[in-house]
PDB file of all heavy atoms in Angstrom:
ATOM      1  N   LYS A   1       4.306 -17.302  -1.845  1.00  0.00           N
ATOM      2  CA  LYS A   1       5.668 -17.112  -1.254  1.00  0.00           C
ATOM      3  C   LYS A   1       5.571 -16.380   0.047  1.00  0.00           C
ATOM      4  O   LYS A   1       6.490 -16.415   0.818  1.00  0.00           O
ATOM      5  CB  LYS A   1       6.487 -16.247  -2.241  1.00  0.00           C
ATOM      6  CG  LYS A   1       6.986 -16.966  -3.497  1.00  0.00           C
ATOM      7  CD  LYS A   1       7.784 -16.070  -4.405  1.00  0.00           C
ATOM      8  CE  LYS A   1       9.031 -15.561  -3.615  1.00  0.00           C
ATOM      9  NZ  LYS A   1       9.815 -14.619  -4.494  1.00  0.00           N
ATOM     10  N   GLY A   2       4.439 -15.711   0.349  1.00  0.00           N
ATOM     11  CA  GLY A   2       4.289 -15.064   1.605  1.00  0.00           C
ATOM     12  C   GLY A   2       4.598 -13.549   1.516  1.00  0.00           C
ATOM     13  O   GLY A   2       4.595 -12.875   2.522  1.00  0.00           O
ATOM     14  N   ASP A   3       4.897 -13.136   0.239  1.00  0.00           N
ATOM     15  CA  ASP A   3       5.201 -11.608   0.112  1.00  0.00           C
ATOM     16  C   ASP A   3       3.929 -10.810   0.144  1.00  0.00           C
ATOM     17  O   ASP A   3       3.976  -9.596   0.548  1.00  0.00           O
ATOM     18  CB  ASP A   3       5.889 -11.419  -1.215  1.00  0.00           C
ATOM     19  CG  ASP A   3       7.248 -12.075  -1.273  1.00  0.00           C
ATOM     20  OD1 ASP A   3       7.932 -12.225  -0.213  1.00  0.00           O
ATOM     21  OD2 ASP A   3       7.667 -12.520  -2.373  1.00  0.00           O
ATOM     22  N   MET A   4       2.836 -11.401  -0.270  1.00  0.00           N
ATOM     23  CA  MET A   4       1.583 -10.616  -0.373  1.00  0.00           C
ATOM     24  C   MET A   4       0.377 -11.440   0.148  1.00  0.00           C
ATOM     25  O   MET A   4       0.540 -12.590   0.410  1.00  0.00           O
ATOM     26  CB  MET A   4       1.311 -10.279  -1.852  1.00  0.00           C
ATOM     27  CG  MET A   4       2.350  -9.374  -2.520  1.00  0.00           C
ATOM     28  SD  MET A   4       2.049  -9.073  -4.283  1.00  0.00           S
ATOM     29  CE  MET A   4       0.550  -8.041  -4.157  1.00  0.00           C
ATOM     30  N   SER A   5      -0.744 -10.726   0.227  1.00  0.00           N
ATOM     31  CA  SER A   5      -2.003 -11.298   0.596  1.00  0.00           C
ATOM     32  C   SER A   5      -3.004 -11.118  -0.533  1.00  0.00           C
ATOM     33  O   SER A   5      -2.672 -10.408  -1.494  1.00  0.00           O
ATOM     34  CB  SER A   5      -2.565 -10.719   1.891  1.00  0.00           C
ATOM     35  OG  SER A   5      -3.807 -11.324   2.251  1.00  0.00           O
ATOM     36  N   ILE A   6      -4.095 -11.835  -0.559  1.00  0.00           N
ATOM     37  CA  ILE A   6      -5.105 -11.568  -1.582  1.00  0.00           C
ATOM     38  C   ILE A   6      -5.625 -10.134  -1.472  1.00  0.00           C
ATOM     39  O   ILE A   6      -5.758  -9.360  -2.407  1.00  0.00           O
ATOM     40  CB  ILE A   6      -6.274 -12.560  -1.468  1.00  0.00           C
ATOM     41  CG1 ILE A   6      -5.759 -13.994  -1.599  1.00  0.00           C
ATOM     42  CG2 ILE A   6      -7.302 -12.285  -2.597  1.00  0.00           C
ATOM     43  CD1 ILE A   6      -5.177 -14.360  -2.958  1.00  0.00           C
ATOM     44  N   VAL A   7      -5.979  -9.765  -0.215  1.00  0.00           N
ATOM     45  CA  VAL A   7      -6.550  -8.387   0.075  1.00  0.00           C
ATOM     46  C   VAL A   7      -5.595  -7.633   0.981  1.00  0.00           C
ATOM     47  O   VAL A   7      -5.185  -8.184   2.036  1.00  0.00           O
ATOM     48  CB  VAL A   7      -7.933  -8.498   0.643  1.00  0.00           C
ATOM     49  CG1 VAL A   7      -8.499  -7.070   0.994  1.00  0.00           C
ATOM     50  CG2 VAL A   7      -8.899  -9.215  -0.228  1.00  0.00           C
ATOM     51  N   GLY A   8      -5.246  -6.457   0.637  1.00  0.00           N
ATOM     52  CA  GLY A   8      -4.421  -5.587   1.427  1.00  0.00           C
ATOM     53  C   GLY A   8      -4.041  -4.396   0.624  1.00  0.00           C
ATOM     54  O   GLY A   8      -4.275  -4.337  -0.578  1.00  0.00           O
ATOM     55  N   PRO A   9      -3.463  -3.355   1.285  1.00  0.00           N
ATOM     56  CA  PRO A   9      -3.059  -2.156   0.562  1.00  0.00           C
ATOM     57  C   PRO A   9      -2.091  -2.489  -0.578  1.00  0.00           C
ATOM     58  O   PRO A   9      -1.213  -3.328  -0.399  1.00  0.00           O
ATOM     59  CB  PRO A   9      -2.417  -1.290   1.588  1.00  0.00           C
ATOM     60  CG  PRO A   9      -2.949  -1.789   2.906  1.00  0.00           C
ATOM     61  CD  PRO A   9      -3.230  -3.263   2.694  1.00  0.00           C
ATOM     62  N   ARG A  10      -2.253  -1.809  -1.778  1.00  0.00           N
ATOM     63  CA  ARG A  10      -1.343  -2.119  -2.862  1.00  0.00           C
ATOM     64  C   ARG A  10       0.042  -1.594  -2.577  1.00  0.00           C
ATOM     65  O   ARG A  10       0.260  -0.556  -2.028  1.00  0.00           O
ATOM     66  CB  ARG A  10      -1.915  -1.404  -4.092  1.00  0.00           C
ATOM     67  CG  ARG A  10      -3.080  -2.033  -4.727  1.00  0.00           C
ATOM     68  CD  ARG A  10      -2.745  -3.456  -5.268  1.00  0.00           C
ATOM     69  NE  ARG A  10      -1.801  -3.415  -6.383  1.00  0.00           N
ATOM     70  CZ  ARG A  10      -1.227  -4.484  -6.909  1.00  0.00           C
ATOM     71  NH1 ARG A  10      -1.516  -5.657  -6.407  1.00  0.00           N
ATOM     72  NH2 ARG A  10      -0.430  -4.367  -7.874  1.00  0.00           N
ATOM     73  N   PRO A  11       1.022  -2.465  -2.826  1.00  0.00           N
ATOM     74  CA  PRO A  11       2.455  -2.076  -2.587  1.00  0.00           C
ATOM     75  C   PRO A  11       2.916  -1.044  -3.617  1.00  0.00           C
ATOM     76  O   PRO A  11       2.539  -1.106  -4.744  1.00  0.00           O
ATOM     77  CB  PRO A  11       3.170  -3.398  -2.659  1.00  0.00           C
ATOM     78  CG  PRO A  11       2.463  -4.206  -3.675  1.00  0.00           C
ATOM     79  CD  PRO A  11       0.955  -3.806  -3.455  1.00  0.00           C
ATOM     80  N   GLU A  12       3.786  -0.096  -3.142  1.00  0.00           N
ATOM     81  CA  GLU A  12       4.353   0.880  -4.029  1.00  0.00           C
ATOM     82  C   GLU A  12       5.831   0.734  -4.081  1.00  0.00           C
ATOM     83  O   GLU A  12       6.448   0.082  -3.220  1.00  0.00           O
ATOM     84  CB  GLU A  12       3.950   2.327  -3.632  1.00  0.00           C
ATOM     85  CG  GLU A  12       2.462   2.560  -3.637  1.00  0.00           C
ATOM     86  CD  GLU A  12       1.879   2.620  -4.990  1.00  0.00           C
ATOM     87  OE1 GLU A  12       2.645   2.578  -6.002  1.00  0.00           O
ATOM     88  OE2 GLU A  12       0.633   2.601  -5.114  1.00  0.00           O
ATOM     89  N   ARG A  13       6.478   1.425  -5.047  1.00  0.00           N
ATOM     90  CA  ARG A  13       7.908   1.491  -5.083  1.00  0.00           C
ATOM     91  C   ARG A  13       8.401   2.502  -4.068  1.00  0.00           C
ATOM     92  O   ARG A  13       7.749   3.454  -3.738  1.00  0.00           O
ATOM     93  CB  ARG A  13       8.393   1.834  -6.474  1.00  0.00           C
ATOM     94  CG  ARG A  13       8.298   0.705  -7.447  1.00  0.00           C
ATOM     95  CD  ARG A  13       8.737   1.122  -8.829  1.00  0.00           C
ATOM     96  NE  ARG A  13       7.673   1.842  -9.532  1.00  0.00           N
ATOM     97  CZ  ARG A  13       7.897   2.290 -10.814  1.00  0.00           C
ATOM     98  NH1 ARG A  13       9.039   2.078 -11.439  1.00  0.00           N
ATOM     99  NH2 ARG A  13       6.891   2.932 -11.404  1.00  0.00           N
ATOM    100  N   LEU A  14       9.623   2.293  -3.554  1.00  0.00           N
ATOM    101  CA  LEU A  14      10.221   3.240  -2.624  1.00  0.00           C
ATOM    102  C   LEU A  14      10.279   4.623  -3.160  1.00  0.00           C
ATOM    103  O   LEU A  14      10.073   5.632  -2.391  1.00  0.00           O
ATOM    104  CB  LEU A  14      11.634   2.714  -2.242  1.00  0.00           C
ATOM    105  CG  LEU A  14      12.410   3.559  -1.169  1.00  0.00           C
ATOM    106  CD1 LEU A  14      11.579   3.483   0.134  1.00  0.00           C
ATOM    107  CD2 LEU A  14      13.775   3.050  -0.959  1.00  0.00           C
ATOM    108  N   PHE A  15      10.523   4.803  -4.448  1.00  0.00           N
ATOM    109  CA  PHE A  15      10.589   6.123  -5.087  1.00  0.00           C
ATOM    110  C   PHE A  15       9.272   6.868  -4.864  1.00  0.00           C
ATOM    111  O   PHE A  15       9.364   8.045  -4.555  1.00  0.00           O
ATOM    112  CB  PHE A  15      10.782   5.887  -6.570  1.00  0.00           C
ATOM    113  CG  PHE A  15      10.821   7.149  -7.377  1.00  0.00           C
ATOM    114  CD1 PHE A  15      11.965   7.997  -7.464  1.00  0.00           C
ATOM    115  CD2 PHE A  15       9.688   7.559  -8.042  1.00  0.00           C
ATOM    116  CE1 PHE A  15      12.009   9.130  -8.184  1.00  0.00           C
ATOM    117  CE2 PHE A  15       9.703   8.764  -8.784  1.00  0.00           C
ATOM    118  CZ  PHE A  15      10.832   9.521  -8.859  1.00  0.00           C
ATOM    119  N   TYR A  16       8.159   6.219  -4.985  1.00  0.00           N
ATOM    120  CA  TYR A  16       6.877   6.904  -4.799  1.00  0.00           C
ATOM    121  C   TYR A  16       6.472   6.922  -3.369  1.00  0.00           C
ATOM    122  O   TYR A  16       5.720   7.882  -2.918  1.00  0.00           O
ATOM    123  CB  TYR A  16       5.795   6.220  -5.643  1.00  0.00           C
ATOM    124  CG  TYR A  16       6.009   6.434  -7.117  1.00  0.00           C
ATOM    125  CD1 TYR A  16       6.391   5.352  -7.976  1.00  0.00           C
ATOM    126  CD2 TYR A  16       5.840   7.686  -7.719  1.00  0.00           C
ATOM    127  CE1 TYR A  16       6.607   5.557  -9.338  1.00  0.00           C
ATOM    128  CE2 TYR A  16       6.025   7.922  -9.083  1.00  0.00           C
ATOM    129  CZ  TYR A  16       6.406   6.805  -9.844  1.00  0.00           C
ATOM    130  OH  TYR A  16       6.662   7.029 -11.172  1.00  0.00           O
ATOM    131  N   GLU A  17       6.869   5.945  -2.549  1.00  0.00           N
ATOM    132  CA  GLU A  17       6.573   6.024  -1.119  1.00  0.00           C
ATOM    133  C   GLU A  17       7.100   7.231  -0.450  1.00  0.00           C
ATOM    134  O   GLU A  17       6.429   7.895   0.368  1.00  0.00           O
ATOM    135  CB  GLU A  17       7.121   4.782  -0.406  1.00  0.00           C
ATOM    136  CG  GLU A  17       6.272   3.517  -0.643  1.00  0.00           C
ATOM    137  CD  GLU A  17       6.427   2.492   0.431  1.00  0.00           C
ATOM    138  OE1 GLU A  17       7.334   2.761   1.351  1.00  0.00           O
ATOM    139  OE2 GLU A  17       5.741   1.481   0.456  1.00  0.00           O
ATOM    140  N   LYS A  18       8.321   7.627  -0.841  1.00  0.00           N
ATOM    141  CA  LYS A  18       8.930   8.831  -0.207  1.00  0.00           C
ATOM    142  C   LYS A  18       8.087  10.039  -0.568  1.00  0.00           C
ATOM    143  O   LYS A  18       7.964  10.928   0.253  1.00  0.00           O
ATOM    144  CB  LYS A  18      10.386   8.954  -0.641  1.00  0.00           C
ATOM    145  CG  LYS A  18      11.290   7.883  -0.106  1.00  0.00           C
ATOM    146  CD  LYS A  18      12.717   8.070  -0.598  1.00  0.00           C
ATOM    147  CE  LYS A  18      13.648   7.030  -0.016  1.00  0.00           C
ATOM    148  NZ  LYS A  18      15.084   7.181  -0.468  1.00  0.00           N
ATOM    149  N   GLN A  19       7.615  10.135  -1.809  1.00  0.00           N
ATOM    150  CA  GLN A  19       6.818  11.320  -2.209  1.00  0.00           C
ATOM    151  C   GLN A  19       5.476  11.283  -1.515  1.00  0.00           C
ATOM    152  O   GLN A  19       4.958  12.345  -1.148  1.00  0.00           O
ATOM    153  CB  GLN A  19       6.615  11.242  -3.716  1.00  0.00           C
ATOM    154  CG  GLN A  19       7.933  11.349  -4.523  1.00  0.00           C
ATOM    155  CD  GLN A  19       7.666  11.375  -6.033  1.00  0.00           C
ATOM    156  OE1 GLN A  19       6.814  12.108  -6.550  1.00  0.00           O
ATOM    157  NE2 GLN A  19       8.403  10.535  -6.756  1.00  0.00           N
ATOM    158  N   ILE A  20       4.863  10.121  -1.337  1.00  0.00           N
ATOM    159  CA  ILE A  20       3.582  10.028  -0.651  1.00  0.00           C
ATOM    160  C   ILE A  20       3.761  10.468   0.815  1.00  0.00           C
ATOM    161  O   ILE A  20       2.946  11.207   1.355  1.00  0.00           O
ATOM    162  CB  ILE A  20       3.037   8.591  -0.694  1.00  0.00           C
ATOM    163  CG1 ILE A  20       2.735   8.236  -2.185  1.00  0.00           C
ATOM    164  CG2 ILE A  20       1.770   8.501   0.110  1.00  0.00           C
ATOM    165  CD1 ILE A  20       2.366   6.765  -2.414  1.00  0.00           C
ATOM    166  N   GLU A  21       4.860   9.998   1.467  1.00  0.00           N
ATOM    167  CA  GLU A  21       5.042  10.314   2.909  1.00  0.00           C
ATOM    168  C   GLU A  21       5.214  11.781   3.132  1.00  0.00           C
ATOM    169  O   GLU A  21       4.923  12.299   4.211  1.00  0.00           O
ATOM    170  CB  GLU A  21       6.235   9.479   3.438  1.00  0.00           C
ATOM    171  CG  GLU A  21       5.953   8.043   3.628  1.00  0.00           C
ATOM    172  CD  GLU A  21       7.164   7.248   4.130  1.00  0.00           C
ATOM    173  OE1 GLU A  21       8.211   7.964   4.383  1.00  0.00           O
ATOM    174  OE2 GLU A  21       7.115   6.031   4.227  1.00  0.00           O
ATOM    175  N   GLU A  22       5.764  12.538   2.092  1.00  0.00           N
ATOM    176  CA  GLU A  22       5.918  13.965   2.254  1.00  0.00           C
ATOM    177  C   GLU A  22       4.522  14.640   2.348  1.00  0.00           C
ATOM    178  O   GLU A  22       4.387  15.646   3.069  1.00  0.00           O
ATOM    179  CB  GLU A  22       6.671  14.516   1.065  1.00  0.00           C
ATOM    180  CG  GLU A  22       8.152  14.139   1.054  1.00  0.00           C
ATOM    181  CD  GLU A  22       8.844  14.704  -0.212  1.00  0.00           C
ATOM    182  OE1 GLU A  22       8.186  15.390  -0.998  1.00  0.00           O
ATOM    183  OE2 GLU A  22      10.072  14.433  -0.337  1.00  0.00           O
ATOM    184  N   LYS A  23       3.530  14.078   1.669  1.00  0.00           N
ATOM    185  CA  LYS A  23       2.180  14.674   1.776  1.00  0.00           C
ATOM    186  C   LYS A  23       1.318  13.992   2.717  1.00  0.00           C
ATOM    187  O   LYS A  23       0.340  14.576   3.242  1.00  0.00           O
ATOM    188  CB  LYS A  23       1.577  14.569   0.356  1.00  0.00           C
ATOM    189  CG  LYS A  23       2.306  15.323  -0.728  1.00  0.00           C
ATOM    190  CD  LYS A  23       1.593  15.271  -2.045  1.00  0.00           C
ATOM    191  CE  LYS A  23       2.330  16.058  -3.079  1.00  0.00           C
ATOM    192  NZ  LYS A  23       1.578  16.167  -4.415  1.00  0.00           N
ATOM    193  N   ALA A  24       1.614  12.738   3.058  1.00  0.00           N
ATOM    194  CA  ALA A  24       0.796  11.933   4.051  1.00  0.00           C
ATOM    195  C   ALA A  24       1.768  11.144   4.895  1.00  0.00           C
ATOM    196  O   ALA A  24       2.073   9.968   4.598  1.00  0.00           O
ATOM    197  CB  ALA A  24      -0.167  11.007   3.333  1.00  0.00           C
ATOM    198  N   PRO A  25       2.287  11.737   5.981  1.00  0.00           N
ATOM    199  CA  PRO A  25       3.277  11.075   6.846  1.00  0.00           C
ATOM    200  C   PRO A  25       2.813   9.729   7.426  1.00  0.00           C
ATOM    201  O   PRO A  25       3.583   8.905   7.778  1.00  0.00           O
ATOM    202  CB  PRO A  25       3.522  12.131   7.974  1.00  0.00           C
ATOM    203  CG  PRO A  25       3.117  13.358   7.355  1.00  0.00           C
ATOM    204  CD  PRO A  25       1.961  13.088   6.476  1.00  0.00           C
ATOM    205  N   TYR A  26       1.476   9.567   7.456  1.00  0.00           N
ATOM    206  CA  TYR A  26       0.888   8.376   8.037  1.00  0.00           C
ATOM    207  C   TYR A  26       0.839   7.196   7.021  1.00  0.00           C
ATOM    208  O   TYR A  26       0.309   6.103   7.368  1.00  0.00           O
ATOM    209  CB  TYR A  26      -0.561   8.622   8.586  1.00  0.00           C
ATOM    210  CG  TYR A  26      -1.416   9.317   7.498  1.00  0.00           C
ATOM    211  CD1 TYR A  26      -2.115   8.616   6.527  1.00  0.00           C
ATOM    212  CD2 TYR A  26      -1.561  10.714   7.485  1.00  0.00           C
ATOM    213  CE1 TYR A  26      -2.932   9.207   5.619  1.00  0.00           C
ATOM    214  CE2 TYR A  26      -2.374  11.314   6.561  1.00  0.00           C
ATOM    215  CZ  TYR A  26      -3.023  10.517   5.619  1.00  0.00           C
ATOM    216  OH  TYR A  26      -3.780  11.195   4.668  1.00  0.00           O
ATOM    217  N   TYR A  27       1.408   7.375   5.910  1.00  0.00           N
ATOM    218  CA  TYR A  27       1.419   6.374   4.836  1.00  0.00           C
ATOM    219  C   TYR A  27       2.008   5.054   5.369  1.00  0.00           C
ATOM    220  O   TYR A  27       1.552   3.948   5.009  1.00  0.00           O
ATOM    221  CB  TYR A  27       2.144   6.794   3.649  1.00  0.00           C
ATOM    222  CG  TYR A  27       2.295   5.683   2.575  1.00  0.00           C
ATOM    223  CD1 TYR A  27       1.218   5.348   1.719  1.00  0.00           C
ATOM    224  CD2 TYR A  27       3.520   4.995   2.450  1.00  0.00           C
ATOM    225  CE1 TYR A  27       1.339   4.346   0.784  1.00  0.00           C
ATOM    226  CE2 TYR A  27       3.604   3.982   1.529  1.00  0.00           C
ATOM    227  CZ  TYR A  27       2.523   3.614   0.744  1.00  0.00           C
ATOM    228  OH  TYR A  27       2.625   2.582  -0.156  1.00  0.00           O
ATOM    229  N   SER A  28       3.017   5.137   6.191  1.00  0.00           N
ATOM    230  CA  SER A  28       3.720   3.902   6.667  1.00  0.00           C
ATOM    231  C   SER A  28       2.796   3.001   7.442  1.00  0.00           C
ATOM    232  O   SER A  28       3.147   1.817   7.602  1.00  0.00           O
ATOM    233  CB  SER A  28       4.922   4.264   7.540  1.00  0.00           C
ATOM    234  OG  SER A  28       4.481   4.999   8.652  1.00  0.00           O
ATOM    235  N   LEU A  29       1.596   3.421   7.855  1.00  0.00           N
ATOM    236  CA  LEU A  29       0.681   2.531   8.522  1.00  0.00           C
ATOM    237  C   LEU A  29       0.285   1.336   7.659  1.00  0.00           C
ATOM    238  O   LEU A  29       0.008   0.261   8.218  1.00  0.00           O
ATOM    239  CB  LEU A  29      -0.564   3.268   8.880  1.00  0.00           C
ATOM    240  CG  LEU A  29      -0.485   4.295  10.045  1.00  0.00           C
ATOM    241  CD1 LEU A  29      -1.760   5.076  10.234  1.00  0.00           C
ATOM    242  CD2 LEU A  29      -0.059   3.687  11.328  1.00  0.00           C
ATOM    243  N   VAL A  30       0.336   1.504   6.356  1.00  0.00           N
ATOM    244  CA  VAL A  30      -0.026   0.352   5.490  1.00  0.00           C
ATOM    245  C   VAL A  30       0.997  -0.811   5.628  1.00  0.00           C
ATOM    246  O   VAL A  30       0.665  -1.935   5.231  1.00  0.00           O
ATOM    247  CB  VAL A  30      -0.081   0.788   4.035  1.00  0.00           C
ATOM    248  CG1 VAL A  30      -1.098   1.911   3.821  1.00  0.00           C
ATOM    249  CG2 VAL A  30       1.237   1.235   3.451  1.00  0.00           C
ATOM    250  N   HIS A  31       2.179  -0.533   6.196  1.00  0.00           N
ATOM    251  CA  HIS A  31       3.163  -1.582   6.327  1.00  0.00           C
ATOM    252  C   HIS A  31       2.833  -2.473   7.484  1.00  0.00           C
ATOM    253  O   HIS A  31       3.605  -3.391   7.798  1.00  0.00           O
ATOM    254  CB  HIS A  31       4.571  -0.969   6.498  1.00  0.00           C
ATOM    255  CG  HIS A  31       5.012  -0.232   5.250  1.00  0.00           C
ATOM    256  ND1 HIS A  31       4.751  -0.701   4.006  1.00  0.00           N
ATOM    257  CD2 HIS A  31       5.702   0.925   5.105  1.00  0.00           C
ATOM    258  CE1 HIS A  31       5.293   0.139   3.120  1.00  0.00           C
ATOM    259  NE2 HIS A  31       5.898   1.116   3.730  1.00  0.00           N
ATOM    260  N   LYS A  32       1.775  -2.222   8.264  1.00  0.00           N
ATOM    261  CA  LYS A  32       1.393  -3.080   9.378  1.00  0.00           C
ATOM    262  C   LYS A  32       0.889  -4.428   8.881  1.00  0.00           C
ATOM    263  O   LYS A  32       0.817  -5.436   9.579  1.00  0.00           O
ATOM    264  CB  LYS A  32       0.384  -2.370  10.210  1.00  0.00           C
ATOM    265  CG  LYS A  32       0.855  -1.178  10.944  1.00  0.00           C
ATOM    266  CD  LYS A  32       0.047  -0.754  12.147  1.00  0.00           C
ATOM    267  CE  LYS A  32      -1.415  -0.508  11.792  1.00  0.00           C
ATOM    268  NZ  LYS A  32      -2.194  -0.086  12.978  1.00  0.00           N
ATOM    269  N   VAL A  33       0.396  -4.439   7.610  1.00  0.00           N
ATOM    270  CA  VAL A  33      -0.149  -5.723   7.074  1.00  0.00           C
ATOM    271  C   VAL A  33       0.524  -5.966   5.744  1.00  0.00           C
ATOM    272  O   VAL A  33       1.212  -5.176   5.127  1.00  0.00           O
ATOM    273  CB  VAL A  33      -1.661  -5.526   6.799  1.00  0.00           C
ATOM    274  CG1 VAL A  33      -2.353  -5.269   8.157  1.00  0.00           C
ATOM    275  CG2 VAL A  33      -1.971  -4.403   5.842  1.00  0.00           C
ATOM    276  N   GLN A  34       0.371  -7.219   5.288  1.00  0.00           N
ATOM    277  CA  GLN A  34       0.917  -7.577   3.987  1.00  0.00           C
ATOM    278  C   GLN A  34       0.180  -6.806   2.884  1.00  0.00           C
ATOM    279  O   GLN A  34      -1.026  -6.645   2.929  1.00  0.00           O
ATOM    280  CB  GLN A  34       0.771  -9.089   3.735  1.00  0.00           C
ATOM    281  CG  GLN A  34       1.815  -9.934   4.525  1.00  0.00           C
ATOM    282  CD  GLN A  34       1.661 -11.377   4.239  1.00  0.00           C
ATOM    283  OE1 GLN A  34       0.538 -11.944   4.080  1.00  0.00           O
ATOM    284  NE2 GLN A  34       2.743 -12.061   4.086  1.00  0.00           N
ATOM    285  N   PRO A  35       0.902  -6.421   1.829  1.00  0.00           N
ATOM    286  CA  PRO A  35       0.284  -5.774   0.707  1.00  0.00           C
ATOM    287  C   PRO A  35      -0.600  -6.762  -0.034  1.00  0.00           C
ATOM    288  O   PRO A  35      -0.353  -7.979   0.127  1.00  0.00           O
ATOM    289  CB  PRO A  35       1.446  -5.277  -0.155  1.00  0.00           C
ATOM    290  CG  PRO A  35       2.598  -6.249   0.230  1.00  0.00           C
ATOM    291  CD  PRO A  35       2.355  -6.496   1.662  1.00  0.00           C
ATOM    292  N   GLY A  36      -1.553  -6.261  -0.818  1.00  0.00           N
ATOM    293  CA  GLY A  36      -2.481  -7.242  -1.415  1.00  0.00           C
ATOM    294  C   GLY A  36      -2.605  -7.092  -2.939  1.00  0.00           C
ATOM    295  O   GLY A  36      -2.104  -6.104  -3.525  1.00  0.00           O
ATOM    296  N   ILE A  37      -3.106  -8.135  -3.538  1.00  0.00           N
ATOM    297  CA  ILE A  37      -3.387  -8.016  -5.022  1.00  0.00           C
ATOM    298  C   ILE A  37      -4.438  -7.056  -5.250  1.00  0.00           C
ATOM    299  O   ILE A  37      -4.408  -6.315  -6.274  1.00  0.00           O
ATOM    300  CB  ILE A  37      -3.775  -9.440  -5.555  1.00  0.00           C
ATOM    301  CG1 ILE A  37      -2.568 -10.400  -5.386  1.00  0.00           C
ATOM    302  CG2 ILE A  37      -4.205  -9.370  -7.014  1.00  0.00           C
ATOM    303  CD1 ILE A  37      -2.892 -11.857  -5.873  1.00  0.00           C
ATOM    304  N   THR A  38      -5.425  -7.018  -4.343  1.00  0.00           N
ATOM    305  CA  THR A  38      -6.516  -6.091  -4.515  1.00  0.00           C
ATOM    306  C   THR A  38      -6.743  -5.403  -3.130  1.00  0.00           C
ATOM    307  O   THR A  38      -6.268  -5.884  -2.141  1.00  0.00           O
ATOM    308  CB  THR A  38      -7.822  -6.724  -4.970  1.00  0.00           C
ATOM    309  OG1 THR A  38      -8.857  -5.728  -5.191  1.00  0.00           O
ATOM    310  CG2 THR A  38      -8.346  -7.700  -3.937  1.00  0.00           C
ATOM    311  N   SER A  39      -7.373  -4.269  -3.181  1.00  0.00           N
ATOM    312  CA  SER A  39      -7.599  -3.492  -1.901  1.00  0.00           C
ATOM    313  C   SER A  39      -8.861  -2.711  -2.060  1.00  0.00           C
ATOM    314  O   SER A  39      -9.438  -2.550  -3.152  1.00  0.00           O
ATOM    315  CB  SER A  39      -6.458  -2.572  -1.660  1.00  0.00           C
ATOM    316  OG  SER A  39      -6.411  -1.504  -2.632  1.00  0.00           O
ATOM    317  N   TRP A  40      -9.321  -2.106  -0.916  1.00  0.00           N
ATOM    318  CA  TRP A  40     -10.492  -1.304  -1.009  1.00  0.00           C
ATOM    319  C   TRP A  40     -10.217  -0.058  -1.832  1.00  0.00           C
ATOM    320  O   TRP A  40     -11.035   0.431  -2.581  1.00  0.00           O
ATOM    321  CB  TRP A  40     -10.953  -0.943   0.427  1.00  0.00           C
ATOM    322  CG  TRP A  40     -12.370  -0.297   0.424  1.00  0.00           C
ATOM    323  CD1 TRP A  40     -13.299  -0.421  -0.512  1.00  0.00           C
ATOM    324  CD2 TRP A  40     -12.883   0.482   1.487  1.00  0.00           C
ATOM    325  NE1 TRP A  40     -14.426   0.243  -0.167  1.00  0.00           N
ATOM    326  CE2 TRP A  40     -14.176   0.799   1.103  1.00  0.00           C
ATOM    327  CE3 TRP A  40     -12.406   0.948   2.685  1.00  0.00           C
ATOM    328  CZ2 TRP A  40     -15.036   1.599   1.875  1.00  0.00           C
ATOM    329  CZ3 TRP A  40     -13.266   1.741   3.474  1.00  0.00           C
ATOM    330  CH2 TRP A  40     -14.550   2.060   3.063  1.00  0.00           C
ATOM    331  N   GLY A  41      -8.948   0.433  -1.743  1.00  0.00           N
ATOM    332  CA  GLY A  41      -8.583   1.593  -2.540  1.00  0.00           C
ATOM    333  C   GLY A  41      -8.660   1.316  -4.016  1.00  0.00           C
ATOM    334  O   GLY A  41      -9.067   2.168  -4.802  1.00  0.00           O
ATOM    335  N   MET A  42      -8.264   0.086  -4.453  1.00  0.00           N
ATOM    336  CA  MET A  42      -8.290  -0.265  -5.862  1.00  0.00           C
ATOM    337  C   MET A  42      -9.758  -0.456  -6.251  1.00  0.00           C
ATOM    338  O   MET A  42     -10.118  -0.039  -7.388  1.00  0.00           O
ATOM    339  CB  MET A  42      -7.584  -1.575  -6.047  1.00  0.00           C
ATOM    340  CG  MET A  42      -6.030  -1.457  -5.957  1.00  0.00           C
ATOM    341  SD  MET A  42      -5.340  -0.407  -7.221  1.00  0.00           S
ATOM    342  CE  MET A  42      -5.586  -1.427  -8.720  1.00  0.00           C
ATOM    343  N   VAL A  43     -10.604  -0.982  -5.433  1.00  0.00           N
ATOM    344  CA  VAL A  43     -12.039  -1.220  -5.772  1.00  0.00           C
ATOM    345  C   VAL A  43     -12.723   0.147  -5.897  1.00  0.00           C
ATOM    346  O   VAL A  43     -13.507   0.369  -6.844  1.00  0.00           O
ATOM    347  CB  VAL A  43     -12.715  -2.066  -4.725  1.00  0.00           C
ATOM    348  CG1 VAL A  43     -14.219  -2.044  -4.875  1.00  0.00           C
ATOM    349  CG2 VAL A  43     -12.173  -3.538  -4.795  1.00  0.00           C
ATOM    350  N   LYS A  44     -12.550   1.036  -4.905  1.00  0.00           N
ATOM    351  CA  LYS A  44     -13.207   2.314  -4.916  1.00  0.00           C
ATOM    352  C   LYS A  44     -12.596   3.386  -5.719  1.00  0.00           C
ATOM    353  O   LYS A  44     -13.321   4.255  -6.253  1.00  0.00           O
ATOM    354  CB  LYS A  44     -13.329   2.824  -3.383  1.00  0.00           C
ATOM    355  CG  LYS A  44     -14.017   1.881  -2.440  1.00  0.00           C
ATOM    356  CD  LYS A  44     -15.469   1.827  -2.783  1.00  0.00           C
ATOM    357  CE  LYS A  44     -16.211   3.061  -2.410  1.00  0.00           C
ATOM    358  NZ  LYS A  44     -17.692   2.904  -2.557  1.00  0.00           N
ATOM    359  N   TYR A  45     -11.315   3.325  -5.965  1.00  0.00           N
ATOM    360  CA  TYR A  45     -10.630   4.420  -6.626  1.00  0.00           C
ATOM    361  C   TYR A  45      -9.988   3.974  -7.971  1.00  0.00           C
ATOM    362  O   TYR A  45     -10.016   4.694  -8.932  1.00  0.00           O
ATOM    363  CB  TYR A  45      -9.580   5.004  -5.724  1.00  0.00           C
ATOM    364  CG  TYR A  45      -9.065   6.313  -6.158  1.00  0.00           C
ATOM    365  CD1 TYR A  45      -9.690   7.516  -5.754  1.00  0.00           C
ATOM    366  CD2 TYR A  45      -7.943   6.461  -7.039  1.00  0.00           C
ATOM    367  CE1 TYR A  45      -9.215   8.774  -6.108  1.00  0.00           C
ATOM    368  CE2 TYR A  45      -7.513   7.684  -7.500  1.00  0.00           C
ATOM    369  CZ  TYR A  45      -8.154   8.834  -7.038  1.00  0.00           C
ATOM    370  OH  TYR A  45      -7.733  10.094  -7.413  1.00  0.00           O
ATOM    371  N   GLY A  46      -9.454   2.773  -8.003  1.00  0.00           N
ATOM    372  CA  GLY A  46      -8.849   2.296  -9.194  1.00  0.00           C
ATOM    373  C   GLY A  46      -7.315   2.641  -9.229  1.00  0.00           C
ATOM    374  O   GLY A  46      -6.704   2.952  -8.227  1.00  0.00           O
TER     375      GLY A  46
END
């Protein structure tokens, strides 16, 4: 559908995005690319 890519940062809910941005204001950088089914974060961290 074009909502996601195979590889890219995992998408989060707005509820948690706001909490993440409070601790990491640069979180919005992940919105520069399509979110993915898998990511380096998922591979390395789970």
